[in-house]
Amino acid sequence: MSSLIHKGILKTEALTKYILETSAYPREHEQLRGLREATVEKHEFWSIMNVPVDEGLFISMLLKLMNVKKTIELGVFTGYSLLATALALPQDGKARLSRKENTVDPDKEAYQIGVPFIKKAGVEHKINFIQSDAMSVLNDLIADVSVVSVAAAFNQTPLNLNGCVQGNEEGTLDFAFVDADKENYLNYHELLLKLVRVGA
């Protein structure tokens, strides 16, 4: 196991390897494993931007324990955490995703790596991919207006794109996951506090 592939909290490589090989990898969904391997193959060093397997399993468990149905994820890369989230949601659950356009991931090329795995897992109906600046999407979700998605304006075909972001979503989200540009975390936090329900 390369130390570049895992960015978790465990600092001892031997312990990390043991946990991954005996607990995490055997329980990893087949499509998540395929996506992880495709990400390493395509992005090599940058594959460390994906959520590690053990953390993906933790997120899945947390979502199930909380009975989460409506989520938002800011930052996606190839979609490992998004796929883990979608797999954990019930059939009527929705993962709304806003992609932060930045220098590390300036277009949706990285996300396209995950699309076949999302489709094979049968969870594309749970995902609303929005290619846009995360701050804009969060503000639009709070505003009492509907706006046309930026992805639609670029004539792209993201998964299950409904064509709009509905406003007046305050207090409606069960879960928010942020893995985007670190300099905006405080701003995201302030806006997400308005969007997540009490107890989320």
C-alpha atoms as a PDB file:
ATOM      1  CA  MET A   1       0.000   0.000   0.000  1.00  0.00           C
ATOM      2  CA  SER A   2       1.418   3.343  -0.974  1.00  0.00           C
ATOM      3  CA  SER A   3       1.337   6.032   1.688  1.00  0.00           C
ATOM      4  CA  LEU A   4       0.123   8.402  -1.028  1.00  0.00           C
ATOM      5  CA  ILE A   5      -3.151   6.529  -1.425  1.00  0.00           C
ATOM      6  CA  HIS A   6      -4.425   6.955   2.143  1.00  0.00           C
ATOM      7  CA  LYS A   7      -4.725  10.313   3.893  1.00  0.00           C
ATOM      8  CA  GLY A   8      -6.487   9.112   7.049  1.00  0.00           C
ATOM      9  CA  ILE A   9      -5.791   9.921  10.674  1.00  0.00           C
ATOM     10  CA  LEU A  10      -3.700   6.820  11.383  1.00  0.00           C
ATOM     11  CA  LYS A  11      -0.027   7.659  11.016  1.00  0.00           C
ATOM     12  CA  THR A  12       1.412   4.141  11.328  1.00  0.00           C
ATOM     13  CA  GLU A  13       1.433   2.576   7.877  1.00  0.00           C
ATOM     14  CA  ALA A  14       1.423  -0.983   9.247  1.00  0.00           C
ATOM     15  CA  LEU A  15      -1.697  -0.338  11.360  1.00  0.00           C
ATOM     16  CA  THR A  16      -3.413   1.472   8.493  1.00  0.00           C
ATOM     17  CA  LYS A  17      -2.641  -1.416   6.140  1.00  0.00           C
ATOM     18  CA  TYR A  18      -3.969  -3.947   8.661  1.00  0.00           C
ATOM     19  CA  ILE A  19      -7.242  -2.043   9.170  1.00  0.00           C
ATOM     20  CA  LEU A  20      -7.761  -1.544   5.450  1.00  0.00           C
ATOM     21  CA  GLU A  21      -6.992  -5.157   4.516  1.00  0.00           C
ATOM     22  CA  THR A  22      -8.984  -6.812   7.319  1.00  0.00           C
ATOM     23  CA  SER A  23     -11.905  -4.438   7.765  1.00  0.00           C
ATOM     24  CA  ALA A  24     -12.311  -1.772   5.090  1.00  0.00           C
ATOM     25  CA  TYR A  25     -11.416  -3.403   1.757  1.00  0.00           C
ATOM     26  CA  PRO A  26     -13.520  -6.558   2.330  1.00  0.00           C
ATOM     27  CA  ARG A  27     -16.615  -4.401   3.039  1.00  0.00           C
ATOM     28  CA  GLU A  28     -16.034  -1.892   0.229  1.00  0.00           C
ATOM     29  CA  HIS A  29     -18.815  -1.958  -2.387  1.00  0.00           C
ATOM     30  CA  GLU A  30     -17.683  -3.376  -5.740  1.00  0.00           C
ATOM     31  CA  GLN A  31     -18.379  -0.110  -7.596  1.00  0.00           C
ATOM     32  CA  LEU A  32     -16.541   1.939  -4.963  1.00  0.00           C
ATOM     33  CA  ARG A  33     -13.534  -0.346  -5.349  1.00  0.00           C
ATOM     34  CA  GLY A  34     -13.670   0.043  -9.127  1.00  0.00           C
ATOM     35  CA  LEU A  35     -13.897   3.818  -8.821  1.00  0.00           C
ATOM     36  CA  ARG A  36     -11.002   3.926  -6.351  1.00  0.00           C
ATOM     37  CA  GLU A  37      -8.830   1.857  -8.684  1.00  0.00           C
ATOM     38  CA  ALA A  38      -9.814   3.918 -11.753  1.00  0.00           C
ATOM     39  CA  THR A  39      -8.988   7.114  -9.856  1.00  0.00           C
ATOM     40  CA  VAL A  40      -5.525   5.836  -8.900  1.00  0.00           C
ATOM     41  CA  GLU A  41      -4.918   4.715 -12.486  1.00  0.00           C
ATOM     42  CA  LYS A  42      -5.947   8.068 -13.986  1.00  0.00           C
ATOM     43  CA  HIS A  43      -4.784  10.554 -11.353  1.00  0.00           C
ATOM     44  CA  GLU A  44      -1.979   8.686  -9.530  1.00  0.00           C
ATOM     45  CA  PHE A  45      -0.726  11.149  -6.864  1.00  0.00           C
ATOM     46  CA  TRP A  46      -3.904  13.257  -6.946  1.00  0.00           C
ATOM     47  CA  SER A  47      -5.968  10.193  -6.048  1.00  0.00           C
ATOM     48  CA  ILE A  48      -5.280  11.133  -2.417  1.00  0.00           C
ATOM     49  CA  MET A  49      -8.036  13.740  -2.855  1.00  0.00           C
ATOM     50  CA  ASN A  50     -10.616  10.934  -2.669  1.00  0.00           C
ATOM     51  CA  VAL A  51     -12.069  10.015   0.694  1.00  0.00           C
ATOM     52  CA  PRO A  52     -10.215   6.931   2.017  1.00  0.00           C
ATOM     53  CA  VAL A  53     -12.107   3.623   2.104  1.00  0.00           C
ATOM     54  CA  ASP A  54     -12.421   3.493   5.900  1.00  0.00           C
ATOM     55  CA  GLU A  55     -13.797   7.037   6.007  1.00  0.00           C
ATOM     56  CA  GLY A  56     -16.265   6.194   3.225  1.00  0.00           C
ATOM     57  CA  LEU A  57     -17.513   3.274   5.320  1.00  0.00           C
ATOM     58  CA  PHE A  58     -17.830   5.559   8.344  1.00  0.00           C
ATOM     59  CA  ILE A  59     -19.846   8.109   6.338  1.00  0.00           C
ATOM     60  CA  SER A  60     -22.132   5.319   5.087  1.00  0.00           C
ATOM     61  CA  MET A  61     -22.727   4.027   8.604  1.00  0.00           C
ATOM     62  CA  LEU A  62     -23.408   7.535   9.905  1.00  0.00           C
ATOM     63  CA  LEU A  63     -25.929   8.256   7.139  1.00  0.00           C
ATOM     64  CA  LYS A  64     -27.802   5.028   7.842  1.00  0.00           C
ATOM     65  CA  LEU A  65     -27.851   5.597  11.613  1.00  0.00           C
ATOM     66  CA  MET A  66     -29.211   9.119  11.110  1.00  0.00           C
ATOM     67  CA  ASN A  67     -31.812   7.941   8.550  1.00  0.00           C
ATOM     68  CA  VAL A  68     -30.554  10.603   6.139  1.00  0.00           C
ATOM     69  CA  LYS A  69     -32.615  11.227   3.001  1.00  0.00           C
ATOM     70  CA  LYS A  70     -31.464  14.609   1.704  1.00  0.00           C
ATOM     71  CA  THR A  71     -27.794  15.576   1.480  1.00  0.00           C
ATOM     72  CA  ILE A  72     -25.474  18.072  -0.123  1.00  0.00           C
ATOM     73  CA  GLU A  73     -21.846  17.503  -1.011  1.00  0.00           C
ATOM     74  CA  LEU A  74     -19.491  20.347  -1.884  1.00  0.00           C
ATOM     75  CA  GLY A  75     -16.498  19.132  -3.878  1.00  0.00           C
ATOM     76  CA  VAL A  76     -16.541  15.784  -5.646  1.00  0.00           C
ATOM     77  CA  PHE A  77     -13.307  14.978  -7.539  1.00  0.00           C
ATOM     78  CA  THR A  78     -14.096  11.542  -9.052  1.00  0.00           C
ATOM     79  CA  GLY A  79     -17.115  10.932  -6.824  1.00  0.00           C
ATOM     80  CA  TYR A  80     -15.988   8.319  -4.282  1.00  0.00           C
ATOM     81  CA  SER A  81     -17.649  10.008  -1.297  1.00  0.00           C
ATOM     82  CA  LEU A  82     -20.677  10.855  -3.457  1.00  0.00           C
ATOM     83  CA  LEU A  83     -21.097   7.213  -4.486  1.00  0.00           C
ATOM     84  CA  ALA A  84     -20.638   6.069  -0.869  1.00  0.00           C
ATOM     85  CA  THR A  85     -23.330   8.561   0.154  1.00  0.00           C
ATOM     86  CA  ALA A  86     -25.746   7.572  -2.610  1.00  0.00           C
ATOM     87  CA  LEU A  87     -25.337   3.877  -1.761  1.00  0.00           C
ATOM     88  CA  ALA A  88     -26.191   4.610   1.892  1.00  0.00           C
ATOM     89  CA  LEU A  89     -29.312   6.649   1.114  1.00  0.00           C
ATOM     90  CA  PRO A  90     -32.721   4.971   0.936  1.00  0.00           C
ATOM     91  CA  GLN A  91     -34.306   4.615  -2.518  1.00  0.00           C
ATOM     92  CA  ASP A  92     -36.187   7.893  -2.058  1.00  0.00           C
ATOM     93  CA  GLY A  93     -33.060   9.711  -0.836  1.00  0.00           C
ATOM     94  CA  LYS A  94     -31.349  12.486  -2.809  1.00  0.00           C
ATOM     95  CA  ALA A  95     -27.726  13.574  -2.909  1.00  0.00           C
ATOM     96  CA  ARG A  96     -27.498  17.089  -4.239  1.00  0.00           C
ATOM     97  CA  LEU A  97     -24.002  17.870  -5.344  1.00  0.00           C
ATOM     98  CA  SER A  98     -22.337  21.176  -6.012  1.00  0.00           C
ATOM     99  CA  ARG A  99     -18.960  21.123  -7.598  1.00  0.00           C
ATOM    100  CA  LYS A 100     -16.531  23.885  -6.751  1.00  0.00           C
ATOM    101  CA  GLU A 101     -14.613  24.890  -9.844  1.00  0.00           C
ATOM    102  CA  ASN A 102     -11.014  25.537  -8.798  1.00  0.00           C
ATOM    103  CA  THR A 103      -7.489  25.013 -10.003  1.00  0.00           C
ATOM    104  CA  VAL A 104      -7.224  21.404  -8.812  1.00  0.00           C
ATOM    105  CA  ASP A 105     -10.349  20.353 -10.674  1.00  0.00           C
ATOM    106  CA  PRO A 106     -11.172  23.055 -13.254  1.00  0.00           C
ATOM    107  CA  ASP A 107     -13.705  21.016 -15.237  1.00  0.00           C
ATOM    108  CA  LYS A 108     -15.875  17.978 -14.772  1.00  0.00           C
ATOM    109  CA  GLU A 109     -13.367  15.573 -16.314  1.00  0.00           C
ATOM    110  CA  ALA A 110     -12.493  14.031 -12.937  1.00  0.00           C
ATOM    111  CA  TYR A 111     -16.171  13.522 -12.063  1.00  0.00           C
ATOM    112  CA  GLN A 112     -16.740  11.765 -15.393  1.00  0.00           C
ATOM    113  CA  ILE A 113     -14.478   8.951 -14.158  1.00  0.00           C
ATOM    114  CA  GLY A 114     -17.097   8.177 -11.510  1.00  0.00           C
ATOM    115  CA  VAL A 115     -20.175   8.319 -13.747  1.00  0.00           C
ATOM    116  CA  PRO A 116     -19.949   4.712 -15.058  1.00  0.00           C
ATOM    117  CA  PHE A 117     -19.554   3.388 -11.503  1.00  0.00           C
ATOM    118  CA  ILE A 118     -22.518   5.457 -10.289  1.00  0.00           C
ATOM    119  CA  LYS A 119     -24.621   4.034 -13.121  1.00  0.00           C
ATOM    120  CA  LYS A 120     -23.477   0.435 -12.492  1.00  0.00           C
ATOM    121  CA  ALA A 121     -24.330   0.852  -8.795  1.00  0.00           C
ATOM    122  CA  GLY A 122     -27.857   1.877  -9.799  1.00  0.00           C
ATOM    123  CA  VAL A 123     -27.897   5.106  -7.793  1.00  0.00           C
ATOM    124  CA  GLU A 124     -27.854   7.762 -10.517  1.00  0.00           C
ATOM    125  CA  HIS A 125     -31.492   8.628  -9.715  1.00  0.00           C
ATOM    126  CA  LYS A 126     -30.343   9.796  -6.271  1.00  0.00           C
ATOM    127  CA  ILE A 127     -27.837  12.317  -7.653  1.00  0.00           C
ATOM    128  CA  ASN A 128     -28.382  15.842  -8.918  1.00  0.00           C
ATOM    129  CA  PHE A 129     -24.997  17.011 -10.198  1.00  0.00           C
ATOM    130  CA  ILE A 130     -24.662  20.789 -10.446  1.00  0.00           C
ATOM    131  CA  GLN A 131     -21.537  22.146 -12.075  1.00  0.00           C
ATOM    132  CA  SER A 132     -21.184  25.498 -10.384  1.00  0.00           C
ATOM    133  CA  ASP A 133     -19.429  27.526  -7.746  1.00  0.00           C
ATOM    134  CA  ALA A 134     -20.441  26.124  -4.344  1.00  0.00           C
ATOM    135  CA  MET A 135     -21.088  29.553  -2.796  1.00  0.00           C
ATOM    136  CA  SER A 136     -23.532  30.402  -5.588  1.00  0.00           C
ATOM    137  CA  VAL A 137     -25.411  27.135  -5.146  1.00  0.00           C
ATOM    138  CA  LEU A 138     -25.644  27.539  -1.368  1.00  0.00           C
ATOM    139  CA  ASN A 139     -26.913  31.095  -1.723  1.00  0.00           C
ATOM    140  CA  ASP A 140     -29.431  29.955  -4.350  1.00  0.00           C
ATOM    141  CA  LEU A 141     -30.680  27.198  -2.052  1.00  0.00           C
ATOM    142  CA  ILE A 142     -31.316  29.766   0.656  1.00  0.00           C
ATOM    143  CA  ALA A 143     -32.876  32.379  -1.642  1.00  0.00           C
ATOM    144  CA  ASP A 144     -36.593  32.218  -2.305  1.00  0.00           C
ATOM    145  CA  VAL A 145     -36.124  31.876  -6.056  1.00  0.00           C
ATOM    146  CA  SER A 146     -35.459  29.185  -8.645  1.00  0.00           C
ATOM    147  CA  VAL A 147     -32.415  29.511 -10.843  1.00  0.00           C
ATOM    148  CA  VAL A 148     -31.308  27.621 -13.912  1.00  0.00           C
ATOM    149  CA  SER A 149     -28.322  25.413 -13.234  1.00  0.00           C
ATOM    150  CA  VAL A 150     -24.993  26.517 -14.622  1.00  0.00           C
ATOM    151  CA  ALA A 151     -24.464  23.035 -16.064  1.00  0.00           C
ATOM    152  CA  ALA A 152     -27.544  23.455 -18.239  1.00  0.00           C
ATOM    153  CA  ALA A 153     -26.210  26.752 -19.547  1.00  0.00           C
ATOM    154  CA  PHE A 154     -23.086  24.955 -20.782  1.00  0.00           C
ATOM    155  CA  ASN A 155     -25.233  22.342 -22.572  1.00  0.00           C
ATOM    156  CA  GLN A 156     -23.700  19.495 -20.587  1.00  0.00           C
ATOM    157  CA  THR A 157     -25.524  16.378 -19.518  1.00  0.00           C
ATOM    158  CA  PRO A 158     -24.869  15.659 -15.850  1.00  0.00           C
ATOM    159  CA  LEU A 159     -26.660  12.799 -14.130  1.00  0.00           C
ATOM    160  CA  ASN A 160     -30.352  13.374 -13.474  1.00  0.00           C
ATOM    161  CA  LEU A 161     -30.060  17.141 -13.710  1.00  0.00           C
ATOM    162  CA  ASN A 162     -33.474  18.643 -13.090  1.00  0.00           C
ATOM    163  CA  GLY A 163     -32.362  21.949 -14.602  1.00  0.00           C
ATOM    164  CA  CYS A 164     -32.777  24.127 -11.548  1.00  0.00           C
ATOM    165  CA  VAL A 165     -31.785  24.698  -7.971  1.00  0.00           C
ATOM    166  CA  GLN A 166     -34.811  25.421  -5.836  1.00  0.00           C
ATOM    167  CA  GLY A 167     -34.610  28.210  -3.310  1.00  0.00           C
ATOM    168  CA  ASN A 168     -36.129  28.378   0.161  1.00  0.00           C
ATOM    169  CA  GLU A 169     -34.380  25.174   1.268  1.00  0.00           C
ATOM    170  CA  GLU A 170     -33.500  26.427   4.773  1.00  0.00           C
ATOM    171  CA  GLY A 171     -33.611  23.670   7.364  1.00  0.00           C
ATOM    172  CA  THR A 172     -34.317  20.896   4.842  1.00  0.00           C
ATOM    173  CA  LEU A 173     -30.982  19.063   4.570  1.00  0.00           C
ATOM    174  CA  ASP A 174     -30.200  16.031   6.717  1.00  0.00           C
ATOM    175  CA  PHE A 175     -26.469  15.948   6.023  1.00  0.00           C
ATOM    176  CA  ALA A 176     -23.759  18.108   4.465  1.00  0.00           C
ATOM    177  CA  PHE A 177     -20.300  16.957   3.409  1.00  0.00           C
ATOM    178  CA  VAL A 178     -17.664  19.501   2.442  1.00  0.00           C
ATOM    179  CA  ASP A 179     -14.445  18.534   0.681  1.00  0.00           C
ATOM    180  CA  ALA A 180     -13.868  21.595  -1.476  1.00  0.00           C
ATOM    181  CA  ASP A 181     -11.571  24.608  -1.425  1.00  0.00           C
ATOM    182  CA  LYS A 182     -10.327  24.981   2.138  1.00  0.00           C
ATOM    183  CA  GLU A 183     -10.214  28.788   2.134  1.00  0.00           C
ATOM    184  CA  ASN A 184     -14.030  28.916   1.903  1.00  0.00           C
ATOM    185  CA  TYR A 185     -14.801  26.428   4.688  1.00  0.00           C
ATOM    186  CA  LEU A 186     -15.937  29.151   7.104  1.00  0.00           C
ATOM    187  CA  ASN A 187     -18.239  30.626   4.446  1.00  0.00           C
ATOM    188  CA  TYR A 188     -19.639  27.187   3.607  1.00  0.00           C
ATOM    189  CA  HIS A 189     -20.178  26.483   7.303  1.00  0.00           C
ATOM    190  CA  GLU A 190     -22.178  29.673   7.831  1.00  0.00           C
ATOM    191  CA  LEU A 191     -24.453  28.981   4.858  1.00  0.00           C
ATOM    192  CA  LEU A 192     -24.841  25.279   5.612  1.00  0.00           C
ATOM    193  CA  LEU A 193     -25.966  26.096   9.156  1.00  0.00           C
ATOM    194  CA  LYS A 194     -29.012  27.700   7.539  1.00  0.00           C
ATOM    195  CA  LEU A 195     -29.660  24.744   5.239  1.00  0.00           C
ATOM    196  CA  VAL A 196     -29.351  21.758   7.570  1.00  0.00           C
ATOM    197  CA  ARG A 197     -32.199  20.878   9.894  1.00  0.00           C
ATOM    198  CA  VAL A 198     -31.772  20.844  13.666  1.00  0.00           C
ATOM    199  CA  GLY A 199     -30.172  17.535  14.616  1.00  0.00           C
ATOM    200  CA  ALA A 200     -28.594  17.022  11.206  1.00  0.00           C
END
